[in-house]
Amino acid sequence: MGVGKSTVGQLLAERLGVAYRDTDDDIVAAQGRTIAEIFVDEGEAAFRALEKQAVHTALADHDGVVALGGGAILDADTRALLAGQRVVYLSMDVEEAVKRTGLNAARPLLAVNPRKQWRELMEARRSLYEEVATAVVPTDGRTPEEVTQAALDALELKEA
């Protein structure tokens, strides 16, 4: 959350000369409501089912850069689909997360005691991110352009 996946994903797509797609945007467009509203109205399990389908569709139908929501890797089938793909895990520490997002209530999984919940989420997810990652790119203290270049370098990709 707040790591810059949308911004960096768009920059990567531009620099590689390919299309960009964000599965969170796909879900919002298909459902006609925000992710926070889906969480409140239907709960996390319902959102995760929508997310799984959105990721599977995007990976099957899209040849460019795909940005995944932070919880997409919780699903074992999704992790299996990511095997063999070029996957960049954009990492950051809690202090950077506070600076970028304020860890506010607009993030449904961080509504109560956001710093503690962010740390717990990351402890639970970090190994899954690393499992699917081709490259880990730290974002702390870096501009989106610097992160984009680091991702290109880590993946050994050339700009279009």
N, C-alpha and C. Protein backbone atom coordinates (compact mmCIF):
# COMPACT_ATOMS: atom_id res chain seq x y z
N MET A 1 0.83 -1.19 0.00
CA MET A 1 0.00 0.00 0.00
C MET A 1 0.87 1.24 0.00
N GLY A 2 0.64 2.10 -0.97
CA GLY A 2 1.36 3.35 -1.03
C GLY A 2 2.79 3.23 -1.51
N VAL A 3 3.18 2.05 -1.97
CA VAL A 3 4.57 1.84 -2.39
C VAL A 3 4.88 2.49 -3.73
N GLY A 4 3.85 2.83 -4.49
CA GLY A 4 4.05 3.48 -5.78
C GLY A 4 3.85 2.57 -6.96
N LYS A 5 3.14 1.45 -6.76
CA LYS A 5 2.99 0.48 -7.84
C LYS A 5 2.31 1.07 -9.07
N SER A 6 1.32 1.91 -8.87
CA SER A 6 0.62 2.50 -10.02
C SER A 6 1.51 3.48 -10.76
N THR A 7 2.16 4.35 -10.03
CA THR A 7 3.04 5.35 -10.66
C THR A 7 4.21 4.67 -11.35
N VAL A 8 4.89 3.77 -10.65
CA VAL A 8 6.04 3.09 -11.22
C VAL A 8 5.60 2.18 -12.36
N GLY A 9 4.47 1.51 -12.21
CA GLY A 9 3.96 0.66 -13.28
C GLY A 9 3.72 1.44 -14.56
N GLN A 10 3.11 2.62 -14.43
CA GLN A 10 2.87 3.46 -15.60
C GLN A 10 4.18 3.93 -16.22
N LEU A 11 5.13 4.33 -15.39
CA LEU A 11 6.43 4.76 -15.91
C LEU A 11 7.16 3.61 -16.60
N LEU A 12 7.11 2.43 -16.01
CA LEU A 12 7.74 1.26 -16.64
C LEU A 12 7.12 0.99 -18.01
N ALA A 13 5.80 1.01 -18.06
CA ALA A 13 5.11 0.76 -19.33
C ALA A 13 5.52 1.78 -20.39
N GLU A 14 5.55 3.06 -19.99
CA GLU A 14 5.96 4.11 -20.93
C GLU A 14 7.38 3.87 -21.44
N ARG A 15 8.28 3.57 -20.51
CA ARG A 15 9.69 3.41 -20.89
C ARG A 15 9.94 2.15 -21.69
N LEU A 16 9.09 1.15 -21.52
CA LEU A 16 9.22 -0.09 -22.30
C LEU A 16 8.40 -0.06 -23.59
N GLY A 17 7.55 0.96 -23.73
CA GLY A 17 6.71 1.06 -24.92
C GLY A 17 5.60 0.03 -24.98
N VAL A 18 5.05 -0.30 -23.80
CA VAL A 18 3.96 -1.27 -23.72
C VAL A 18 2.78 -0.65 -22.95
N ALA A 19 1.67 -1.35 -22.94
CA ALA A 19 0.48 -0.88 -22.23
C ALA A 19 0.60 -1.17 -20.74
N TYR A 20 -0.18 -0.42 -19.95
CA TYR A 20 -0.22 -0.55 -18.50
C TYR A 20 -1.62 -0.97 -18.07
N ARG A 21 -1.70 -1.82 -17.06
CA ARG A 21 -2.99 -2.25 -16.51
C ARG A 21 -2.85 -2.43 -15.01
N ASP A 22 -3.84 -1.96 -14.26
CA ASP A 22 -3.85 -2.09 -12.80
C ASP A 22 -5.08 -2.91 -12.42
N THR A 23 -4.88 -4.03 -11.76
CA THR A 23 -6.01 -4.89 -11.43
C THR A 23 -6.97 -4.24 -10.43
N ASP A 24 -6.46 -3.36 -9.57
CA ASP A 24 -7.36 -2.63 -8.68
C ASP A 24 -8.31 -1.75 -9.50
N ASP A 25 -7.79 -1.09 -10.53
CA ASP A 25 -8.63 -0.27 -11.40
C ASP A 25 -9.66 -1.13 -12.13
N ASP A 26 -9.26 -2.33 -12.55
CA ASP A 26 -10.19 -3.24 -13.21
C ASP A 26 -11.35 -3.59 -12.29
N ILE A 27 -11.04 -3.85 -11.03
CA ILE A 27 -12.08 -4.22 -10.06
C ILE A 27 -13.03 -3.05 -9.84
N VAL A 28 -12.49 -1.85 -9.64
CA VAL A 28 -13.32 -0.66 -9.42
C VAL A 28 -14.23 -0.42 -10.63
N ALA A 29 -13.67 -0.54 -11.83
CA ALA A 29 -14.47 -0.32 -13.04
C ALA A 29 -15.58 -1.36 -13.17
N ALA A 30 -15.27 -2.62 -12.91
CA ALA A 30 -16.26 -3.69 -13.04
C ALA A 30 -17.35 -3.61 -11.97
N GLN A 31 -16.97 -3.19 -10.77
CA GLN A 31 -17.92 -3.16 -9.65
C GLN A 31 -18.65 -1.84 -9.50
N GLY A 32 -18.10 -0.78 -10.09
CA GLY A 32 -18.73 0.53 -9.98
C GLY A 32 -18.67 1.13 -8.58
N ARG A 33 -17.65 0.73 -7.82
CA ARG A 33 -17.45 1.27 -6.46
C ARG A 33 -16.01 1.07 -6.06
N THR A 34 -15.61 1.78 -5.02
CA THR A 34 -14.22 1.72 -4.59
C THR A 34 -13.92 0.39 -3.89
N ILE A 35 -12.63 0.12 -3.77
CA ILE A 35 -12.22 -1.08 -3.06
C ILE A 35 -12.63 -1.00 -1.60
N ALA A 36 -12.50 0.18 -1.00
CA ALA A 36 -12.94 0.36 0.39
C ALA A 36 -14.42 0.04 0.54
N GLU A 37 -15.24 0.47 -0.42
CA GLU A 37 -16.68 0.18 -0.37
C GLU A 37 -16.94 -1.32 -0.48
N ILE A 38 -16.19 -2.01 -1.32
CA ILE A 38 -16.36 -3.46 -1.45
C ILE A 38 -16.02 -4.14 -0.13
N PHE A 39 -14.92 -3.72 0.50
CA PHE A 39 -14.54 -4.27 1.81
C PHE A 39 -15.65 -4.07 2.83
N VAL A 40 -16.19 -2.86 2.89
CA VAL A 40 -17.22 -2.54 3.88
C VAL A 40 -18.51 -3.29 3.59
N ASP A 41 -18.93 -3.30 2.32
CA ASP A 41 -20.21 -3.90 1.94
C ASP A 41 -20.19 -5.42 1.94
N GLU A 42 -19.08 -6.02 1.50
CA GLU A 42 -19.08 -7.47 1.29
C GLU A 42 -18.00 -8.22 2.06
N GLY A 43 -17.01 -7.49 2.58
CA GLY A 43 -15.95 -8.13 3.34
C GLY A 43 -14.73 -8.47 2.51
N GLU A 44 -13.66 -8.79 3.22
CA GLU A 44 -12.39 -9.06 2.55
C GLU A 44 -12.45 -10.30 1.66
N ALA A 45 -13.12 -11.35 2.09
CA ALA A 45 -13.16 -12.59 1.30
C ALA A 45 -13.79 -12.34 -0.08
N ALA A 46 -14.87 -11.57 -0.10
CA ALA A 46 -15.51 -11.25 -1.38
C ALA A 46 -14.58 -10.42 -2.26
N PHE A 47 -13.89 -9.46 -1.66
CA PHE A 47 -12.94 -8.67 -2.43
C PHE A 47 -11.83 -9.55 -2.99
N ARG A 48 -11.29 -10.44 -2.17
CA ARG A 48 -10.19 -11.30 -2.62
C ARG A 48 -10.62 -12.19 -3.79
N ALA A 49 -11.87 -12.63 -3.79
CA ALA A 49 -12.37 -13.43 -4.93
C ALA A 49 -12.40 -12.59 -6.20
N LEU A 50 -12.86 -11.34 -6.08
CA LEU A 50 -12.86 -10.43 -7.23
C LEU A 50 -11.43 -10.15 -7.69
N GLU A 51 -10.54 -9.96 -6.73
CA GLU A 51 -9.14 -9.68 -7.05
C GLU A 51 -8.50 -10.85 -7.78
N LYS A 52 -8.75 -12.06 -7.29
CA LYS A 52 -8.18 -13.25 -7.93
C LYS A 52 -8.61 -13.32 -9.39
N GLN A 53 -9.88 -13.12 -9.65
CA GLN A 53 -10.38 -13.17 -11.03
C GLN A 53 -9.77 -12.05 -11.87
N ALA A 54 -9.66 -10.86 -11.30
CA ALA A 54 -9.09 -9.73 -12.04
C ALA A 54 -7.63 -9.99 -12.41
N VAL A 55 -6.87 -10.55 -11.49
CA VAL A 55 -5.47 -10.85 -11.75
C VAL A 55 -5.35 -11.93 -12.83
N HIS A 56 -6.14 -12.98 -12.70
CA HIS A 56 -6.09 -14.06 -13.68
C HIS A 56 -6.44 -13.55 -15.07
N THR A 57 -7.46 -12.71 -15.16
CA THR A 57 -7.86 -12.13 -16.45
C THR A 57 -6.75 -11.25 -17.01
N ALA A 58 -6.20 -10.39 -16.18
CA ALA A 58 -5.15 -9.47 -16.65
C ALA A 58 -3.92 -10.24 -17.13
N LEU A 59 -3.51 -11.25 -16.40
CA LEU A 59 -2.33 -12.01 -16.81
C LEU A 59 -2.58 -12.79 -18.09
N ALA A 60 -3.81 -13.21 -18.32
CA ALA A 60 -4.14 -13.96 -19.54
C ALA A 60 -4.30 -13.04 -20.75
N ASP A 61 -4.81 -11.83 -20.54
CA ASP A 61 -5.21 -10.96 -21.64
C ASP A 61 -4.26 -9.81 -21.96
N HIS A 62 -3.29 -9.56 -21.10
CA HIS A 62 -2.49 -8.33 -21.22
C HIS A 62 -1.01 -8.66 -21.40
N ASP A 63 -0.39 -8.01 -22.38
CA ASP A 63 1.02 -8.27 -22.66
C ASP A 63 1.98 -7.25 -22.06
N GLY A 64 1.46 -6.20 -21.46
CA GLY A 64 2.32 -5.14 -20.94
C GLY A 64 2.58 -5.28 -19.46
N VAL A 65 2.69 -4.14 -18.79
CA VAL A 65 2.94 -4.07 -17.36
C VAL A 65 1.61 -4.20 -16.62
N VAL A 66 1.57 -5.09 -15.63
CA VAL A 66 0.37 -5.28 -14.81
C VAL A 66 0.74 -4.97 -13.36
N ALA A 67 0.00 -4.05 -12.76
CA ALA A 67 0.18 -3.74 -11.33
C ALA A 67 -0.86 -4.53 -10.55
N LEU A 68 -0.41 -5.23 -9.52
CA LEU A 68 -1.31 -6.02 -8.68
C LEU A 68 -1.49 -5.36 -7.33
N GLY A 69 -2.68 -5.51 -6.76
CA GLY A 69 -2.93 -5.04 -5.41
C GLY A 69 -2.05 -5.79 -4.43
N GLY A 70 -1.79 -5.17 -3.29
CA GLY A 70 -0.88 -5.72 -2.31
C GLY A 70 -1.24 -7.07 -1.75
N GLY A 71 -2.52 -7.42 -1.77
CA GLY A 71 -2.94 -8.71 -1.24
C GLY A 71 -3.12 -9.79 -2.28
N ALA A 72 -2.89 -9.48 -3.54
CA ALA A 72 -3.11 -10.46 -4.62
C ALA A 72 -2.29 -11.73 -4.42
N ILE A 73 -1.11 -11.60 -3.85
CA ILE A 73 -0.22 -12.75 -3.69
C ILE A 73 -0.66 -13.68 -2.55
N LEU A 74 -1.70 -13.32 -1.82
CA LEU A 74 -2.19 -14.19 -0.76
C LEU A 74 -2.78 -15.47 -1.33
N ASP A 75 -3.23 -15.42 -2.58
CA ASP A 75 -3.86 -16.57 -3.22
C ASP A 75 -2.80 -17.46 -3.87
N ALA A 76 -2.80 -18.74 -3.51
CA ALA A 76 -1.80 -19.68 -4.03
C ALA A 76 -1.89 -19.84 -5.54
N ASP A 77 -3.10 -19.84 -6.09
CA ASP A 77 -3.26 -19.95 -7.55
C ASP A 77 -2.65 -18.75 -8.26
N THR A 78 -2.82 -17.58 -7.67
CA THR A 78 -2.23 -16.37 -8.25
C THR A 78 -0.71 -16.44 -8.19
N ARG A 79 -0.17 -16.88 -7.07
CA ARG A 79 1.28 -17.03 -6.97
C ARG A 79 1.79 -18.01 -8.03
N ALA A 80 1.05 -19.08 -8.26
CA ALA A 80 1.46 -20.06 -9.27
C ALA A 80 1.45 -19.43 -10.67
N LEU A 81 0.46 -18.60 -10.95
CA LEU A 81 0.40 -17.91 -12.24
C LEU A 81 1.57 -16.95 -12.43
N LEU A 82 2.05 -16.38 -11.34
CA LEU A 82 3.15 -15.42 -11.42
C LEU A 82 4.51 -16.11 -11.63
N ALA A 83 4.57 -17.40 -11.36
CA ALA A 83 5.82 -18.14 -11.56
C ALA A 83 6.19 -18.06 -13.04
N GLY A 84 7.41 -17.72 -13.30
CA GLY A 84 7.86 -17.61 -14.68
C GLY A 84 7.62 -16.24 -15.31
N GLN A 85 6.91 -15.37 -14.61
CA GLN A 85 6.70 -14.00 -15.07
C GLN A 85 7.79 -13.11 -14.48
N ARG A 86 8.02 -11.97 -15.09
CA ARG A 86 8.91 -10.98 -14.49
C ARG A 86 8.08 -10.21 -13.47
N VAL A 87 8.45 -10.35 -12.21
CA VAL A 87 7.69 -9.73 -11.13
C VAL A 87 8.63 -8.86 -10.30
N VAL A 88 8.25 -7.61 -10.10
CA VAL A 88 9.04 -6.70 -9.27
C VAL A 88 8.26 -6.46 -7.98
N TYR A 89 8.92 -6.72 -6.87
CA TYR A 89 8.37 -6.42 -5.55
C TYR A 89 8.95 -5.08 -5.14
N LEU A 90 8.09 -4.07 -5.05
CA LEU A 90 8.50 -2.74 -4.59
C LEU A 90 8.38 -2.74 -3.07
N SER A 91 9.50 -2.61 -2.39
CA SER A 91 9.48 -2.69 -0.93
C SER A 91 9.66 -1.32 -0.30
N MET A 92 9.17 -1.19 0.93
CA MET A 92 9.40 0.02 1.72
C MET A 92 9.19 -0.31 3.19
N ASP A 93 9.76 0.53 4.06
CA ASP A 93 9.58 0.31 5.49
C ASP A 93 8.40 1.13 6.01
N VAL A 94 8.04 0.88 7.24
CA VAL A 94 6.84 1.50 7.81
C VAL A 94 6.95 3.02 7.87
N GLU A 95 8.12 3.55 8.14
CA GLU A 95 8.26 5.01 8.22
C GLU A 95 7.99 5.65 6.86
N GLU A 96 8.46 5.01 5.80
CA GLU A 96 8.18 5.51 4.45
C GLU A 96 6.68 5.41 4.16
N ALA A 97 6.06 4.32 4.59
CA ALA A 97 4.62 4.14 4.38
C ALA A 97 3.83 5.25 5.07
N VAL A 98 4.25 5.62 6.27
CA VAL A 98 3.59 6.71 7.00
C VAL A 98 3.71 8.00 6.21
N LYS A 99 4.92 8.29 5.70
CA LYS A 99 5.13 9.52 4.93
C LYS A 99 4.25 9.55 3.68
N ARG A 100 4.15 8.43 3.00
CA ARG A 100 3.45 8.41 1.72
C ARG A 100 1.94 8.35 1.85
N THR A 101 1.44 7.57 2.78
CA THR A 101 -0.01 7.36 2.83
C THR A 101 -0.66 7.96 4.06
N GLY A 102 0.14 8.27 5.07
CA GLY A 102 -0.43 8.70 6.33
C GLY A 102 -1.10 7.54 7.05
N LEU A 103 -1.07 6.36 6.42
CA LEU A 103 -1.74 5.17 6.96
C LEU A 103 -3.13 5.52 7.47
N ASN A 104 -3.92 6.06 6.58
CA ASN A 104 -5.24 6.55 6.98
C ASN A 104 -6.34 5.53 6.78
N ALA A 105 -7.53 5.89 7.21
CA ALA A 105 -8.67 4.98 7.18
C ALA A 105 -9.16 4.66 5.78
N ALA A 106 -8.69 5.35 4.76
CA ALA A 106 -9.07 5.01 3.38
C ALA A 106 -8.49 3.65 3.00
N ARG A 107 -7.57 3.16 3.79
CA ARG A 107 -6.99 1.84 3.58
C ARG A 107 -7.73 0.89 4.52
N PRO A 108 -8.66 0.08 4.00
CA PRO A 108 -9.53 -0.70 4.88
C PRO A 108 -8.81 -1.66 5.81
N LEU A 109 -7.65 -2.17 5.41
CA LEU A 109 -6.94 -3.10 6.29
C LEU A 109 -6.13 -2.40 7.37
N LEU A 110 -6.14 -1.05 7.35
CA LEU A 110 -5.34 -0.30 8.31
C LEU A 110 -6.18 0.64 9.16
N ALA A 111 -7.45 0.35 9.29
CA ALA A 111 -8.38 1.28 9.94
C ALA A 111 -8.09 1.48 11.43
N VAL A 112 -7.58 0.48 12.13
CA VAL A 112 -7.32 0.59 13.55
C VAL A 112 -5.82 0.34 13.79
N ASN A 113 -5.16 1.24 14.53
CA ASN A 113 -3.74 1.14 14.83
C ASN A 113 -2.94 0.86 13.55
N PRO A 114 -2.93 1.82 12.63
CA PRO A 114 -2.35 1.58 11.30
C PRO A 114 -0.90 1.13 11.28
N ARG A 115 -0.03 1.70 12.12
CA ARG A 115 1.38 1.27 12.09
C ARG A 115 1.52 -0.20 12.46
N LYS A 116 0.84 -0.60 13.52
CA LYS A 116 0.89 -1.99 13.96
C LYS A 116 0.32 -2.91 12.88
N GLN A 117 -0.81 -2.53 12.32
CA GLN A 117 -1.43 -3.37 11.30
C GLN A 117 -0.57 -3.44 10.05
N TRP A 118 0.07 -2.33 9.66
CA TRP A 118 0.94 -2.34 8.49
C TRP A 118 2.09 -3.32 8.72
N ARG A 119 2.71 -3.24 9.91
CA ARG A 119 3.82 -4.15 10.22
C ARG A 119 3.36 -5.61 10.17
N GLU A 120 2.19 -5.88 10.75
CA GLU A 120 1.67 -7.26 10.75
C GLU A 120 1.38 -7.74 9.33
N LEU A 121 0.78 -6.88 8.51
CA LEU A 121 0.52 -7.24 7.12
C LEU A 121 1.83 -7.57 6.40
N MET A 122 2.82 -6.73 6.59
CA MET A 122 4.09 -6.94 5.91
C MET A 122 4.79 -8.21 6.41
N GLU A 123 4.71 -8.47 7.70
CA GLU A 123 5.31 -9.70 8.23
C GLU A 123 4.64 -10.93 7.61
N ALA A 124 3.32 -10.85 7.43
CA ALA A 124 2.58 -11.97 6.86
C ALA A 124 2.81 -12.11 5.36
N ARG A 125 3.05 -11.00 4.67
CA ARG A 125 3.12 -11.02 3.22
C ARG A 125 4.53 -11.02 2.64
N ARG A 126 5.49 -10.50 3.36
CA ARG A 126 6.83 -10.31 2.79
C ARG A 126 7.38 -11.57 2.14
N SER A 127 7.27 -12.71 2.80
CA SER A 127 7.83 -13.94 2.22
C SER A 127 7.09 -14.33 0.94
N LEU A 128 5.81 -14.01 0.87
CA LEU A 128 5.04 -14.31 -0.35
C LEU A 128 5.46 -13.39 -1.49
N TYR A 129 5.68 -12.11 -1.17
CA TYR A 129 6.19 -11.18 -2.19
C TYR A 129 7.53 -11.67 -2.71
N GLU A 130 8.40 -12.05 -1.79
CA GLU A 130 9.74 -12.50 -2.19
C GLU A 130 9.68 -13.81 -2.97
N GLU A 131 8.71 -14.66 -2.63
CA GLU A 131 8.54 -15.94 -3.35
C GLU A 131 8.27 -15.72 -4.83
N VAL A 132 7.45 -14.74 -5.16
CA VAL A 132 7.07 -14.53 -6.57
C VAL A 132 7.97 -13.54 -7.29
N ALA A 133 8.79 -12.81 -6.56
CA ALA A 133 9.57 -11.72 -7.15
C ALA A 133 10.76 -12.21 -7.95
N THR A 134 10.89 -11.63 -9.12
CA THR A 134 12.11 -11.78 -9.92
C THR A 134 13.16 -10.82 -9.37
N ALA A 135 12.67 -9.66 -8.90
CA ALA A 135 13.55 -8.62 -8.36
C ALA A 135 12.85 -7.90 -7.22
N VAL A 136 13.62 -7.51 -6.22
CA VAL A 136 13.12 -6.69 -5.12
C VAL A 136 13.76 -5.32 -5.26
N VAL A 137 12.91 -4.28 -5.33
CA VAL A 137 13.41 -2.92 -5.52
C VAL A 137 12.94 -2.06 -4.34
N PRO A 138 13.86 -1.64 -3.48
CA PRO A 138 13.50 -0.75 -2.38
C PRO A 138 13.08 0.62 -2.93
N THR A 139 12.04 1.18 -2.34
CA THR A 139 11.52 2.48 -2.80
C THR A 139 11.79 3.60 -1.81
N ASP A 140 12.23 3.26 -0.62
CA ASP A 140 12.44 4.27 0.43
C ASP A 140 13.37 5.38 -0.06
N GLY A 141 12.91 6.62 0.07
CA GLY A 141 13.72 7.77 -0.27
C GLY A 141 14.04 7.93 -1.74
N ARG A 142 13.35 7.22 -2.59
CA ARG A 142 13.60 7.30 -4.03
C ARG A 142 12.41 7.93 -4.74
N THR A 143 12.71 8.62 -5.83
CA THR A 143 11.64 9.16 -6.67
C THR A 143 11.07 8.03 -7.52
N PRO A 144 9.86 8.21 -8.05
CA PRO A 144 9.32 7.19 -8.96
C PRO A 144 10.24 6.90 -10.14
N GLU A 145 10.91 7.92 -10.64
CA GLU A 145 11.81 7.73 -11.77
C GLU A 145 13.01 6.86 -11.36
N GLU A 146 13.53 7.08 -10.15
CA GLU A 146 14.65 6.28 -9.67
C GLU A 146 14.23 4.82 -9.45
N VAL A 147 13.03 4.63 -8.92
CA VAL A 147 12.53 3.27 -8.70
C VAL A 147 12.32 2.58 -10.05
N THR A 148 11.78 3.31 -11.01
CA THR A 148 11.57 2.75 -12.34
C THR A 148 12.89 2.31 -12.96
N GLN A 149 13.90 3.15 -12.87
CA GLN A 149 15.21 2.79 -13.42
C GLN A 149 15.79 1.59 -12.69
N ALA A 150 15.63 1.54 -11.38
CA ALA A 150 16.13 0.40 -10.61
C ALA A 150 15.42 -0.89 -11.02
N ALA A 151 14.12 -0.80 -11.30
CA ALA A 151 13.37 -1.98 -11.76
C ALA A 151 13.85 -2.43 -13.13
N LEU A 152 14.05 -1.48 -14.04
CA LEU A 152 14.57 -1.82 -15.37
C LEU A 152 15.93 -2.49 -15.25
N ASP A 153 16.79 -1.92 -14.42
CA ASP A 153 18.13 -2.48 -14.23
C ASP A 153 18.06 -3.88 -13.61
N ALA A 154 17.22 -4.05 -12.59
CA ALA A 154 17.11 -5.33 -11.91
C ALA A 154 16.60 -6.43 -12.85
N LEU A 155 15.69 -6.06 -13.75
CA LEU A 155 15.14 -7.01 -14.69
C LEU A 155 15.98 -7.12 -15.97
N GLU A 156 17.01 -6.28 -16.04
CA GLU A 156 17.87 -6.23 -17.22
C GLU A 156 17.07 -5.99 -18.50
N LEU A 157 16.15 -5.01 -18.41
CA LEU A 157 15.31 -4.65 -19.55
C LEU A 157 15.81 -3.35 -20.16
N LYS A 158 15.63 -3.23 -21.43
CA LYS A 158 16.01 -2.02 -22.15
C LYS A 158 14.76 -1.23 -22.52
N GLU A 159 14.91 0.08 -22.49
CA GLU A 159 13.79 0.95 -22.86
C GLU A 159 13.50 0.82 -24.35
N ALA A 160 12.24 1.06 -24.70
CA ALA A 160 11.82 1.01 -26.11
C ALA A 160 12.34 2.23 -26.85
